[in-house]
C-alpha atoms as a PDB file:
ATOM      1  CA  MET A   1       0.000   0.000   0.000  1.00  0.00           C
ATOM      2  CA  GLU A   2       2.801   2.432   0.871  1.00  0.00           C
ATOM      3  CA  GLN A   3       4.550   1.702  -2.438  1.00  0.00           C
ATOM      4  CA  THR A   4       1.311   2.351  -4.331  1.00  0.00           C
ATOM      5  CA  GLN A   5       0.750   5.582  -2.429  1.00  0.00           C
ATOM      6  CA  GLU A   6       4.286   6.755  -3.162  1.00  0.00           C
ATOM      7  CA  ALA A   7       3.870   5.922  -6.849  1.00  0.00           C
ATOM      8  CA  PHE A   8       0.588   7.852  -6.986  1.00  0.00           C
ATOM      9  CA  ILE A   9       2.153  10.871  -5.298  1.00  0.00           C
ATOM     10  CA  ASP A  10       5.207  10.773  -7.611  1.00  0.00           C
ATOM     11  CA  ARG A  11       2.954  10.601 -10.656  1.00  0.00           C
ATOM     12  CA  MET A  12       0.718  13.381  -9.330  1.00  0.00           C
ATOM     13  CA  ARG A  13       3.691  15.666  -8.710  1.00  0.00           C
ATOM     14  CA  GLY A  14       4.935  14.954 -12.221  1.00  0.00           C
ATOM     15  CA  LEU A  15       1.619  16.247 -13.530  1.00  0.00           C
ATOM     16  CA  ILE A  16       1.487  19.205 -11.161  1.00  0.00           C
ATOM     17  CA  TYR A  17       4.925  20.438 -12.154  1.00  0.00           C
ATOM     18  CA  GLY A  18       4.901  19.251 -15.762  1.00  0.00           C
ATOM     19  CA  ASN A  19       4.791  22.838 -17.013  1.00  0.00           C
ATOM     20  CA  TRP A  20       8.356  23.248 -15.768  1.00  0.00           C
ATOM     21  CA  GLN A  21       9.507  20.690 -18.322  1.00  0.00           C
ATOM     22  CA  THR A  22       7.637  22.479 -21.101  1.00  0.00           C
ATOM     23  CA  CYS A  23       9.314  25.771 -20.176  1.00  0.00           C
ATOM     24  CA  ILE A  24      12.808  24.236 -20.035  1.00  0.00           C
ATOM     25  CA  THR A  25      12.265  22.560 -23.419  1.00  0.00           C
ATOM     26  CA  TYR A  26      11.033  25.830 -24.922  1.00  0.00           C
ATOM     27  CA  ALA A  27      14.046  27.766 -23.604  1.00  0.00           C
ATOM     28  CA  PHE A  28      16.509  25.107 -24.789  1.00  0.00           C
ATOM     29  CA  ALA A  29      14.971  25.274 -28.275  1.00  0.00           C
ATOM     30  CA  GLU A  30      14.694  29.067 -28.342  1.00  0.00           C
ATOM     31  CA  LEU A  31      18.338  29.482 -27.303  1.00  0.00           C
ATOM     32  CA  GLY A  32      19.402  27.120 -30.091  1.00  0.00           C
ATOM     33  CA  LEU A  33      21.584  25.114 -27.715  1.00  0.00           C
ATOM     34  CA  ALA A  34      21.297  21.907 -29.750  1.00  0.00           C
ATOM     35  CA  ASP A  35      22.672  23.794 -32.764  1.00  0.00           C
ATOM     36  CA  LYS A  36      25.499  25.243 -30.697  1.00  0.00           C
ATOM     37  CA  LEU A  37      26.457  21.758 -29.492  1.00  0.00           C
ATOM     38  CA  GLN A  38      26.026  19.856 -32.748  1.00  0.00           C
ATOM     39  CA  ASP A  39      29.708  19.826 -33.710  1.00  0.00           C
ATOM     40  CA  GLY A  40      30.967  18.620 -30.331  1.00  0.00           C
ATOM     41  CA  ALA A  41      31.208  19.320 -26.605  1.00  0.00           C
ATOM     42  CA  LYS A  42      31.393  22.932 -25.421  1.00  0.00           C
ATOM     43  CA  ASN A  43      32.328  24.430 -22.072  1.00  0.00           C
ATOM     44  CA  LEU A  44      30.067  26.538 -19.926  1.00  0.00           C
ATOM     45  CA  GLU A  45      31.884  29.811 -20.603  1.00  0.00           C
ATOM     46  CA  TYR A  46      31.497  29.359 -24.360  1.00  0.00           C
ATOM     47  CA  LEU A  47      27.738  28.722 -24.128  1.00  0.00           C
ATOM     48  CA  ALA A  48      27.339  31.601 -21.687  1.00  0.00           C
ATOM     49  CA  GLY A  49      28.949  33.916 -24.223  1.00  0.00           C
ATOM     50  CA  GLN A  50      26.825  32.532 -27.055  1.00  0.00           C
ATOM     51  CA  THR A  51      23.570  32.959 -25.148  1.00  0.00           C
ATOM     52  CA  ALA A  52      24.369  36.172 -23.222  1.00  0.00           C
ATOM     53  CA  ILE A  53      23.420  34.435 -19.976  1.00  0.00           C
ATOM     54  CA  GLU A  54      25.517  34.710 -16.821  1.00  0.00           C
ATOM     55  CA  PRO A  55      27.416  31.367 -16.387  1.00  0.00           C
ATOM     56  CA  LYS A  56      26.021  30.650 -12.926  1.00  0.00           C
ATOM     57  CA  ASN A  57      22.435  31.033 -14.112  1.00  0.00           C
ATOM     58  CA  LEU A  58      23.071  29.072 -17.277  1.00  0.00           C
ATOM     59  CA  PHE A  59      24.570  26.222 -15.264  1.00  0.00           C
ATOM     60  CA  ARG A  60      21.432  26.023 -13.120  1.00  0.00           C
ATOM     61  CA  PHE A  61      19.350  25.834 -16.296  1.00  0.00           C
ATOM     62  CA  LEU A  62      21.618  23.172 -17.838  1.00  0.00           C
ATOM     63  CA  ARG A  63      21.171  20.951 -14.794  1.00  0.00           C
ATOM     64  CA  CYS A  64      17.476  20.807 -15.662  1.00  0.00           C
ATOM     65  CA  CYS A  65      18.298  20.132 -19.324  1.00  0.00           C
ATOM     66  CA  GLU A  66      20.374  17.148 -18.242  1.00  0.00           C
ATOM     67  CA  GLN A  67      17.412  15.870 -16.212  1.00  0.00           C
ATOM     68  CA  LEU A  68      15.389  15.951 -19.442  1.00  0.00           C
ATOM     69  CA  GLN A  69      18.248  14.059 -21.161  1.00  0.00           C
ATOM     70  CA  PHE A  70      18.944  16.761 -23.749  1.00  0.00           C
ATOM     71  CA  ILE A  71      22.611  16.955 -22.678  1.00  0.00           C
ATOM     72  CA  ASN A  72      25.305  15.315 -20.602  1.00  0.00           C
ATOM     73  CA  LEU A  73      26.832  17.742 -18.108  1.00  0.00           C
ATOM     74  CA  ASP A  74      30.238  17.202 -16.515  1.00  0.00           C
ATOM     75  CA  VAL A  75      30.007  19.027 -13.194  1.00  0.00           C
ATOM     76  CA  ALA A  76      33.781  19.009 -12.656  1.00  0.00           C
ATOM     77  CA  THR A  77      34.861  20.360 -16.047  1.00  0.00           C
ATOM     78  CA  LYS A  78      31.640  22.245 -16.853  1.00  0.00           C
ATOM     79  CA  GLU A  79      31.692  20.539 -20.261  1.00  0.00           C
ATOM     80  CA  ILE A  80      28.357  20.031 -22.045  1.00  0.00           C
ATOM     81  CA  THR A  81      27.642  17.361 -24.666  1.00  0.00           C
ATOM     82  CA  LEU A  82      24.487  16.936 -26.731  1.00  0.00           C
ATOM     83  CA  THR A  83      22.709  13.565 -26.437  1.00  0.00           C
ATOM     84  CA  GLU A  84      21.070  11.598 -29.256  1.00  0.00           C
ATOM     85  CA  PHE A  85      17.724  12.616 -27.819  1.00  0.00           C
ATOM     86  CA  GLY A  86      18.760  16.260 -27.687  1.00  0.00           C
ATOM     87  CA  LYS A  87      19.593  16.183 -31.401  1.00  0.00           C
ATOM     88  CA  TYR A  88      15.885  16.255 -32.164  1.00  0.00           C
ATOM     89  CA  LEU A  89      15.999  19.916 -31.106  1.00  0.00           C
ATOM     90  CA  GLN A  90      18.602  20.764 -33.752  1.00  0.00           C
ATOM     91  CA  SER A  91      17.363  22.969 -36.590  1.00  0.00           C
ATOM     92  CA  ASN A  92      18.849  20.739 -39.287  1.00  0.00           C
ATOM     93  CA  HIS A  93      17.825  17.355 -37.888  1.00  0.00           C
ATOM     94  CA  PRO A  94      15.707  15.506 -40.518  1.00  0.00           C
ATOM     95  CA  TYR A  95      13.011  14.999 -37.878  1.00  0.00           C
ATOM     96  CA  SER A  96      13.613  18.236 -35.993  1.00  0.00           C
ATOM     97  CA  GLN A  97      11.124  19.234 -33.312  1.00  0.00           C
ATOM     98  CA  ARG A  98      12.822  22.519 -32.467  1.00  0.00           C
ATOM     99  CA  ASP A  99      10.173  24.803 -33.929  1.00  0.00           C
ATOM    100  CA  ALA A 100       7.393  22.726 -32.413  1.00  0.00           C
ATOM    101  CA  ALA A 101       9.031  23.275 -29.017  1.00  0.00           C
ATOM    102  CA  LYS A 102       9.430  27.002 -29.703  1.00  0.00           C
ATOM    103  CA  LEU A 103       5.794  27.284 -30.747  1.00  0.00           C
ATOM    104  CA  ASN A 104       4.331  25.453 -27.765  1.00  0.00           C
ATOM    105  CA  GLY A 105       6.236  27.621 -25.303  1.00  0.00           C
ATOM    106  CA  VAL A 106       5.763  31.006 -26.944  1.00  0.00           C
ATOM    107  CA  PHE A 107       3.598  33.471 -24.978  1.00  0.00           C
ATOM    108  CA  TYR A 108       0.509  33.566 -27.205  1.00  0.00           C
ATOM    109  CA  ARG A 109       0.253  29.747 -27.171  1.00  0.00           C
ATOM    110  CA  TYR A 110       1.328  29.059 -23.601  1.00  0.00           C
ATOM    111  CA  GLU A 111      -0.339  31.816 -21.596  1.00  0.00           C
ATOM    112  CA  PRO A 112      -3.975  31.067 -22.592  1.00  0.00           C
ATOM    113  CA  TRP A 113      -3.655  27.633 -20.977  1.00  0.00           C
ATOM    114  CA  GLY A 114      -3.121  29.427 -17.661  1.00  0.00           C
ATOM    115  CA  LYS A 115      -6.572  30.950 -18.143  1.00  0.00           C
ATOM    116  CA  ILE A 116      -8.291  27.607 -18.666  1.00  0.00           C
ATOM    117  CA  LEU A 117     -10.808  28.152 -15.857  1.00  0.00           C
ATOM    118  CA  ASP A 118     -11.870  31.471 -17.374  1.00  0.00           C
ATOM    119  CA  VAL A 119     -12.244  29.848 -20.793  1.00  0.00           C
ATOM    120  CA  LEU A 120     -14.280  26.945 -19.416  1.00  0.00           C
ATOM    121  CA  LYS A 121     -16.573  29.152 -17.355  1.00  0.00           C
ATOM    122  CA  SER A 122     -17.184  31.657 -20.150  1.00  0.00           C
ATOM    123  CA  GLY A 123     -17.531  28.946 -22.792  1.00  0.00           C
ATOM    124  CA  SER A 124     -15.182  30.800 -25.107  1.00  0.00           C
ATOM    125  CA  SER A 125     -11.552  31.829 -25.366  1.00  0.00           C
ATOM    126  CA  ASP A 126     -12.590  35.289 -26.562  1.00  0.00           C
ATOM    127  CA  GLY A 127     -10.632  37.772 -24.465  1.00  0.00           C
ATOM    128  CA  PHE A 128      -8.283  35.110 -23.155  1.00  0.00           C
ATOM    129  CA  SER A 129      -6.440  34.080 -26.343  1.00  0.00           C
ATOM    130  CA  ASP A 130      -4.892  36.475 -28.872  1.00  0.00           C
ATOM    131  CA  THR A 131      -5.636  34.004 -31.671  1.00  0.00           C
ATOM    132  CA  HIS A 132      -9.306  33.377 -30.843  1.00  0.00           C
ATOM    133  CA  LYS A 133     -11.011  35.869 -33.143  1.00  0.00           C
ATOM    134  CA  ASN A 134      -9.502  35.122 -36.565  1.00  0.00           C
ATOM    135  CA  GLY A 135      -7.076  32.261 -36.004  1.00  0.00           C
ATOM    136  CA  SER A 136      -3.313  31.983 -35.689  1.00  0.00           C
ATOM    137  CA  LEU A 137      -2.336  33.099 -39.192  1.00  0.00           C
ATOM    138  CA  ASP A 138      -4.321  36.324 -39.005  1.00  0.00           C
ATOM    139  CA  TYR A 139      -2.743  37.133 -35.642  1.00  0.00           C
ATOM    140  CA  LEU A 140       0.735  36.400 -37.010  1.00  0.00           C
ATOM    141  CA  LYS A 141       0.475  38.173 -40.362  1.00  0.00           C
ATOM    142  CA  ASP A 142       2.324  41.256 -39.058  1.00  0.00           C
ATOM    143  CA  LYS A 143       4.723  39.211 -36.908  1.00  0.00           C
ATOM    144  CA  PRO A 144       7.054  37.606 -39.483  1.00  0.00           C
ATOM    145  CA  GLU A 145       9.445  35.937 -37.023  1.00  0.00           C
ATOM    146  CA  LEU A 146       6.627  34.282 -35.072  1.00  0.00           C
ATOM    147  CA  LEU A 147       4.880  33.342 -38.336  1.00  0.00           C
ATOM    148  CA  GLU A 148       8.014  31.588 -39.546  1.00  0.00           C
ATOM    149  CA  VAL A 149       8.215  29.595 -36.306  1.00  0.00           C
ATOM    150  CA  PHE A 150       4.540  28.643 -36.645  1.00  0.00           C
ATOM    151  CA  GLN A 151       4.950  27.404 -40.219  1.00  0.00           C
ATOM    152  CA  LYS A 152       8.132  25.487 -39.417  1.00  0.00           C
ATOM    153  CA  ALA A 153       6.430  23.954 -36.381  1.00  0.00           C
ATOM    154  CA  MET A 154       3.615  22.677 -38.606  1.00  0.00           C
ATOM    155  CA  THR A 155       6.302  21.056 -40.757  1.00  0.00           C
ATOM    156  CA  ASN A 156       7.942  19.561 -37.635  1.00  0.00           C
ATOM    157  CA  LEU A 157       4.641  18.052 -36.553  1.00  0.00           C
ATOM    158  CA  SER A 158       3.893  16.496 -39.941  1.00  0.00           C
ATOM    159  CA  VAL A 159       7.372  15.389 -40.993  1.00  0.00           C
ATOM    160  CA  ILE A 160       6.768  11.703 -40.265  1.00  0.00           C
ATOM    161  CA  GLU A 161       3.083  11.407 -41.119  1.00  0.00           C
ATOM    162  CA  ASN A 162       2.828  12.958 -44.605  1.00  0.00           C
ATOM    163  CA  GLU A 163       4.395  10.063 -46.481  1.00  0.00           C
ATOM    164  CA  ASN A 164       2.236   7.545 -44.640  1.00  0.00           C
ATOM    165  CA  ILE A 165      -0.968   9.451 -45.349  1.00  0.00           C
ATOM    166  CA  ALA A 166      -0.033   9.972 -49.002  1.00  0.00           C
ATOM    167  CA  LYS A 167       0.363   6.204 -49.470  1.00  0.00           C
ATOM    168  CA  ASN A 168      -2.932   5.368 -47.780  1.00  0.00           C
ATOM    169  CA  TYR A 169      -5.083   6.839 -50.522  1.00  0.00           C
ATOM    170  CA  ASP A 170      -5.017   6.289 -54.294  1.00  0.00           C
ATOM    171  CA  PHE A 171      -4.241   9.732 -55.683  1.00  0.00           C
ATOM    172  CA  SER A 172      -3.040   8.327 -59.025  1.00  0.00           C
ATOM    173  CA  ILE A 173      -6.532   8.452 -60.573  1.00  0.00           C
ATOM    174  CA  TYR A 174      -6.543  12.248 -60.385  1.00  0.00           C
ATOM    175  CA  LYS A 175      -4.731  14.808 -62.537  1.00  0.00           C
ATOM    176  CA  HIS A 176      -4.747  17.905 -60.335  1.00  0.00           C
ATOM    177  CA  ILE A 177      -4.725  18.108 -56.528  1.00  0.00           C
ATOM    178  CA  ILE A 178      -5.381  21.355 -54.687  1.00  0.00           C
ATOM    179  CA  ASP A 179      -4.150  21.410 -51.087  1.00  0.00           C
ATOM    180  CA  ILE A 180      -6.254  24.005 -49.284  1.00  0.00           C
ATOM    181  CA  GLY A 181      -4.320  25.784 -46.549  1.00  0.00           C
ATOM    182  CA  GLY A 182      -1.270  23.838 -47.715  1.00  0.00           C
ATOM    183  CA  GLY A 183       1.286  25.873 -45.762  1.00  0.00           C
ATOM    184  CA  HIS A 184       4.868  25.100 -46.722  1.00  0.00           C
ATOM    185  CA  GLY A 185       3.674  22.334 -49.047  1.00  0.00           C
ATOM    186  CA  THR A 186       5.157  19.308 -47.278  1.00  0.00           C
ATOM    187  CA  PHE A 187       1.955  17.301 -47.679  1.00  0.00           C
ATOM    188  CA  ILE A 188       1.475  17.939 -51.383  1.00  0.00           C
ATOM    189  CA  LYS A 189       5.157  17.229 -52.001  1.00  0.00           C
ATOM    190  CA  ALA A 190       4.694  13.819 -50.392  1.00  0.00           C
ATOM    191  CA  ILE A 191       1.678  13.144 -52.618  1.00  0.00           C
ATOM    192  CA  LEU A 192       3.485  14.181 -55.814  1.00  0.00           C
ATOM    193  CA  GLU A 193       6.579  12.166 -54.936  1.00  0.00           C
ATOM    194  CA  ALA A 194       4.404   9.060 -54.664  1.00  0.00           C
ATOM    195  CA  ASN A 195       2.443   9.922 -57.837  1.00  0.00           C
ATOM    196  CA  PRO A 196       4.712  11.149 -60.656  1.00  0.00           C
ATOM    197  CA  SER A 197       1.895  11.678 -63.182  1.00  0.00           C
ATOM    198  CA  ILE A 198      -0.117  14.287 -61.297  1.00  0.00           C
ATOM    199  CA  ARG A 199       0.299  17.961 -60.496  1.00  0.00           C
ATOM    200  CA  GLY A 200      -0.638  19.967 -57.436  1.00  0.00           C
ATOM    201  CA  THR A 201      -1.487  23.449 -56.210  1.00  0.00           C
ATOM    202  CA  ILE A 202      -0.670  24.835 -52.770  1.00  0.00           C
ATOM    203  CA  PHE A 203      -3.479  27.246 -51.924  1.00  0.00           C
ATOM    204  CA  ASP A 204      -2.823  29.541 -48.971  1.00  0.00           C
ATOM    205  CA  LEU A 205      -2.477  33.125 -47.804  1.00  0.00           C
ATOM    206  CA  LYS A 206       0.066  35.410 -49.486  1.00  0.00           C
ATOM    207  CA  GLU A 207       2.226  35.755 -46.373  1.00  0.00           C
ATOM    208  CA  THR A 208       2.345  31.978 -45.957  1.00  0.00           C
ATOM    209  CA  LEU A 209       3.306  31.244 -49.547  1.00  0.00           C
ATOM    210  CA  ALA A 210       6.055  33.874 -49.382  1.00  0.00           C
ATOM    211  CA  SER A 211       8.129  31.502 -47.256  1.00  0.00           C
ATOM    212  CA  VAL A 212       7.499  28.306 -49.247  1.00  0.00           C
ATOM    213  CA  LYS A 213      10.707  26.658 -50.444  1.00  0.00           C
ATOM    214  CA  LEU A 214      10.048  24.349 -53.358  1.00  0.00           C
ATOM    215  CA  PRO A 215      12.285  21.294 -53.880  1.00  0.00           C
ATOM    216  CA  ILE A 216      15.018  21.411 -56.514  1.00  0.00           C
ATOM    217  CA  GLU A 217      13.906  18.112 -58.060  1.00  0.00           C
ATOM    218  CA  ALA A 218      11.661  17.780 -61.109  1.00  0.00           C
ATOM    219  CA  ILE A 219       8.680  17.798 -58.768  1.00  0.00           C
ATOM    220  CA  THR A 220       8.890  21.613 -58.707  1.00  0.00           C
ATOM    221  CA  GLU A 221       7.573  21.719 -62.265  1.00  0.00           C
ATOM    222  CA  ARG A 222       4.374  20.067 -61.078  1.00  0.00           C
ATOM    223  CA  ILE A 223       3.675  22.433 -58.168  1.00  0.00           C
ATOM    224  CA  THR A 224       1.815  25.741 -58.442  1.00  0.00           C
ATOM    225  CA  LEU A 225       1.458  28.317 -55.689  1.00  0.00           C
ATOM    226  CA  GLN A 226      -1.872  30.126 -55.607  1.00  0.00           C
ATOM    227  CA  GLU A 227      -2.639  32.942 -53.195  1.00  0.00           C
ATOM    228  CA  GLY A 228      -6.062  33.151 -51.657  1.00  0.00           C
ATOM    229  CA  ASP A 229      -8.282  32.976 -48.596  1.00  0.00           C
ATOM    230  CA  PHE A 230     -10.553  29.950 -48.209  1.00  0.00           C
ATOM    231  CA  PHE A 231     -13.095  32.147 -46.426  1.00  0.00           C
ATOM    232  CA  GLN A 232     -13.421  34.129 -49.670  1.00  0.00           C
ATOM    233  CA  SER A 233     -13.219  31.482 -52.407  1.00  0.00           C
ATOM    234  CA  VAL A 234     -11.422  28.312 -53.477  1.00  0.00           C
ATOM    235  CA  PRO A 235      -9.825  27.499 -56.879  1.00  0.00           C
ATOM    236  CA  THR A 236     -12.093  25.659 -59.315  1.00  0.00           C
ATOM    237  CA  GLU A 237      -9.508  23.697 -61.313  1.00  0.00           C
ATOM    238  CA  GLY A 238      -8.925  20.742 -58.999  1.00  0.00           C
ATOM    239  CA  ASP A 239      -9.988  17.132 -59.442  1.00  0.00           C
ATOM    240  CA  ILE A 240      -9.476  16.478 -55.753  1.00  0.00           C
ATOM    241  CA  TYR A 241      -9.128  18.880 -52.809  1.00  0.00           C
ATOM    242  CA  THR A 242      -7.290  18.127 -49.587  1.00  0.00           C
ATOM    243  CA  LEU A 243      -7.779  19.834 -46.227  1.00  0.00           C
ATOM    244  CA  LYS A 244      -5.219  18.437 -43.813  1.00  0.00           C
ATOM    245  CA  ASN A 245      -5.372  19.689 -40.219  1.00  0.00           C
ATOM    246  CA  ILE A 246      -7.484  22.677 -41.269  1.00  0.00           C
ATOM    247  CA  LEU A 247     -11.000  22.195 -39.918  1.00  0.00           C
ATOM    248  CA  HIS A 248      -9.990  21.605 -36.303  1.00  0.00           C
ATOM    249  CA  ASN A 249      -8.764  25.203 -36.154  1.00  0.00           C
ATOM    250  CA  TRP A 250     -12.229  26.712 -36.531  1.00  0.00           C
ATOM    251  CA  PRO A 251     -15.623  26.747 -34.773  1.00  0.00           C
ATOM    252  CA  GLU A 252     -18.531  25.083 -36.533  1.00  0.00           C
ATOM    253  CA  GLU A 253     -19.937  28.066 -38.426  1.00  0.00           C
ATOM    254  CA  LYS A 254     -16.542  28.881 -39.922  1.00  0.00           C
ATOM    255  CA  VAL A 255     -15.985  25.221 -40.854  1.00  0.00           C
ATOM    256  CA  LYS A 256     -19.302  25.297 -42.704  1.00  0.00           C
ATOM    257  CA  HIS A 257     -18.186  28.483 -44.474  1.00  0.00           C
ATOM    258  CA  ILE A 258     -14.975  26.788 -45.659  1.00  0.00           C
ATOM    259  CA  MET A 259     -16.743  23.627 -46.786  1.00  0.00           C
ATOM    260  CA  LYS A 260     -19.449  25.564 -48.646  1.00  0.00           C
ATOM    261  CA  ASN A 261     -16.777  27.508 -50.542  1.00  0.00           C
ATOM    262  CA  VAL A 262     -15.143  24.220 -51.549  1.00  0.00           C
ATOM    263  CA  HIS A 263     -18.569  22.907 -52.566  1.00  0.00           C
ATOM    264  CA  LEU A 264     -19.135  26.010 -54.699  1.00  0.00           C
ATOM    265  CA  ALA A 265     -15.792  25.520 -56.472  1.00  0.00           C
ATOM    266  CA  ILE A 266     -16.514  21.869 -57.213  1.00  0.00           C
ATOM    267  CA  SER A 267     -20.131  22.456 -58.268  1.00  0.00           C
ATOM    268  CA  SER A 268     -19.008  24.749 -61.083  1.00  0.00           C
ATOM    269  CA  SER A 269     -17.433  21.772 -62.863  1.00  0.00           C
ATOM    270  CA  PRO A 270     -19.309  19.620 -65.393  1.00  0.00           C
ATOM    271  CA  ASP A 271     -17.769  16.427 -63.953  1.00  0.00           C
ATOM    272  CA  VAL A 272     -18.802  17.193 -60.389  1.00  0.00           C
ATOM    273  CA  GLU A 273     -19.690  13.538 -59.666  1.00  0.00           C
ATOM    274  CA  GLN A 274     -16.058  12.477 -60.063  1.00  0.00           C
ATOM    275  CA  LYS A 275     -14.573  15.185 -57.870  1.00  0.00           C
ATOM    276  CA  ARG A 276     -13.549  14.446 -54.312  1.00  0.00           C
ATOM    277  CA  VAL A 277     -12.627  16.261 -51.112  1.00  0.00           C
ATOM    278  CA  LEU A 278     -10.322  14.689 -48.531  1.00  0.00           C
ATOM    279  CA  VAL A 279     -10.517  15.897 -44.952  1.00  0.00           C
ATOM    280  CA  ILE A 280      -7.548  14.621 -42.932  1.00  0.00           C
ATOM    281  CA  GLU A 281      -8.051  14.959 -39.184  1.00  0.00           C
ATOM    282  CA  HIS A 282      -7.896  13.101 -35.910  1.00  0.00           C
ATOM    283  CA  LEU A 283     -11.238  11.566 -35.005  1.00  0.00           C
ATOM    284  CA  MET A 284     -12.472  11.886 -31.455  1.00  0.00           C
ATOM    285  CA  SER A 285     -13.314   8.481 -30.023  1.00  0.00           C
ATOM    286  CA  ASP A 286     -16.572   7.768 -28.203  1.00  0.00           C
ATOM    287  CA  ASP A 287     -14.489   5.703 -25.763  1.00  0.00           C
ATOM    288  CA  THR A 288     -13.465   8.373 -23.257  1.00  0.00           C
ATOM    289  CA  SER A 289     -11.225   5.954 -21.352  1.00  0.00           C
ATOM    290  CA  ALA A 290      -9.024   5.108 -24.360  1.00  0.00           C
ATOM    291  CA  GLU A 291      -5.560   6.624 -24.103  1.00  0.00           C
ATOM    292  CA  SER A 292      -5.264   9.225 -26.852  1.00  0.00           C
ATOM    293  CA  ILE A 293      -3.746  12.604 -27.633  1.00  0.00           C
ATOM    294  CA  VAL A 294      -6.967  13.747 -29.339  1.00  0.00           C
ATOM    295  CA  PRO A 295      -8.791  15.067 -26.225  1.00  0.00           C
ATOM    296  CA  TRP A 296      -5.692  17.122 -25.417  1.00  0.00           C
ATOM    297  CA  MET A 297      -5.530  18.534 -28.933  1.00  0.00           C
ATOM    298  CA  ASP A 298      -9.247  19.258 -28.810  1.00  0.00           C
ATOM    299  CA  MET A 299      -8.775  21.258 -25.599  1.00  0.00           C
ATOM    300  CA  ASN A 300      -5.803  23.091 -27.137  1.00  0.00           C
ATOM    301  CA  PHE A 301      -7.867  24.149 -30.170  1.00  0.00           C
ATOM    302  CA  PHE A 302     -10.742  25.220 -27.910  1.00  0.00           C
ATOM    303  CA  ILE A 303      -8.485  27.378 -25.743  1.00  0.00           C
ATOM    304  CA  LEU A 304      -6.426  28.933 -28.532  1.00  0.00           C
ATOM    305  CA  VAL A 305      -8.776  29.383 -31.483  1.00  0.00           C
ATOM    306  CA  GLY A 306     -12.254  28.193 -30.509  1.00  0.00           C
ATOM    307  CA  GLY A 307     -11.815  25.098 -32.666  1.00  0.00           C
ATOM    308  CA  GLN A 308     -12.312  21.438 -31.904  1.00  0.00           C
ATOM    309  CA  ASP A 309     -11.717  17.834 -32.882  1.00  0.00           C
ATOM    310  CA  ARG A 310     -14.854  15.902 -33.755  1.00  0.00           C
ATOM    311  CA  THR A 311     -16.263  12.391 -33.772  1.00  0.00           C
ATOM    312  CA  LEU A 312     -17.088  10.702 -37.069  1.00  0.00           C
ATOM    313  CA  GLN A 313     -20.784  11.251 -36.363  1.00  0.00           C
ATOM    314  CA  GLU A 314     -20.214  14.957 -35.762  1.00  0.00           C
ATOM    315  CA  TYR A 315     -18.301  15.244 -39.031  1.00  0.00           C
ATOM    316  CA  THR A 316     -20.984  13.270 -40.878  1.00  0.00           C
ATOM    317  CA  GLU A 317     -23.701  15.659 -39.721  1.00  0.00           C
ATOM    318  CA  LEU A 318     -21.583  18.750 -40.365  1.00  0.00           C
ATOM    319  CA  PHE A 319     -20.671  17.667 -43.914  1.00  0.00           C
ATOM    320  CA  ALA A 320     -24.278  16.770 -44.702  1.00  0.00           C
ATOM    321  CA  CYS A 321     -25.272  20.356 -43.860  1.00  0.00           C
ATOM    322  CA  CYS A 322     -22.775  21.547 -46.475  1.00  0.00           C
ATOM    323  CA  GLY A 323     -23.918  19.220 -49.276  1.00  0.00           C
ATOM    324  CA  TYR A 324     -21.456  16.329 -48.913  1.00  0.00           C
ATOM    325  CA  VAL A 325     -21.690  12.616 -48.324  1.00  0.00           C
ATOM    326  CA  ILE A 326     -18.873  10.484 -46.920  1.00  0.00           C
ATOM    327  CA  LYS A 327     -17.673   8.051 -49.596  1.00  0.00           C
ATOM    328  CA  SER A 328     -14.984   6.268 -47.592  1.00  0.00           C
ATOM    329  CA  LEU A 329     -12.941   6.416 -44.413  1.00  0.00           C
ATOM    330  CA  VAL A 330      -9.295   5.419 -44.124  1.00  0.00           C
ATOM    331  CA  LEU A 331      -7.659   5.070 -40.716  1.00  0.00           C
ATOM    332  CA  THR A 332      -3.887   5.625 -41.042  1.00  0.00           C
ATOM    333  CA  LYS A 333      -1.022   4.586 -38.789  1.00  0.00           C
ATOM    334  CA  THR A 334      -0.408   8.250 -37.978  1.00  0.00           C
ATOM    335  CA  GLY A 335      -3.580   8.445 -35.885  1.00  0.00           C
ATOM    336  CA  ARG A 336      -5.220  10.700 -38.445  1.00  0.00           C
ATOM    337  CA  SER A 337      -8.091   9.589 -40.637  1.00  0.00           C
ATOM    338  CA  ILE A 338      -8.759  10.330 -44.301  1.00  0.00           C
ATOM    339  CA  ILE A 339     -12.430  11.206 -44.776  1.00  0.00           C
ATOM    340  CA  GLU A 340     -13.321  11.064 -48.481  1.00  0.00           C
ATOM    341  CA  LEU A 341     -16.233  13.272 -49.468  1.00  0.00           C
ATOM    342  CA  GLY A 342     -18.325  13.542 -52.597  1.00  0.00           C
ATOM    343  CA  ILE A 343     -21.036  15.997 -53.556  1.00  0.00           C
ATOM    344  CA  VAL A 344     -24.601  14.945 -52.731  1.00  0.00           C
ATOM    345  CA  SER A 345     -26.272  14.218 -56.067  1.00  0.00           C
END
């Protein structure tokens, strides 16, 4: 009984003080320490000079970083070495999570969580989150450095899953894919790499597309960048439209607005019956006891932007209101589902 009680208390304290770990991870990423250590061990004085932090204070911080296994710290020599785990916070790591860490700890993402009781009691994050009214991209449009971190973080978070999702659906039967809200284009690049006979369009805001870096390979010739706002209109030239991790960012009425604009674009085509829309999202399970990240993401979207994750039934009803019917559902290994939609005939 005592051992169980101790284990419960240890676990509870880990949850109570878990925000400390988030803050240390954010600071480690923001300071670029993994980059500064990537070519070998460095001493404390060197890192203090590089970060403009007094050595004594930096050493206290690095002790915590060692506890999180980002570094190995030699107390006697004050020499710091990056661990294999810590390398995932390097900017140039192929599976880098540095910008994801920077995003999750930045003030406009982190501080609203401290107001969770206010959000829950009011039923809205209006007044408690800077990004509530018009979403993250609108808030960041005049903050280029923060916008760049946001876009890179989205790439960090999708770096492993895009290839898997692209291979879980047969895109080869289509000629032209339009990725709505496609960001830096990592998803459409994965689709085109797996399907050499098709072309794609990244449709997003002007300020987002300004930072898109297209690949050098021949795939560049098959990618078009098109500026626009999906709340205004959507391009009409696509055979299939993808919305990956878009709808969860918006409350229901705005989701309906987006989906109706897509419907309008598709309906203008003579071959409307053959056109498809793919919504790629996490599905909320009806089993509330199942271990899952989705309830946490749902709460994050609620607090930050008034959005939500939804169950399949909720999506079915929402899409029906906008003139769609679900044609198929593909559950991928990434945890996200591909919901294939067609126009109601």
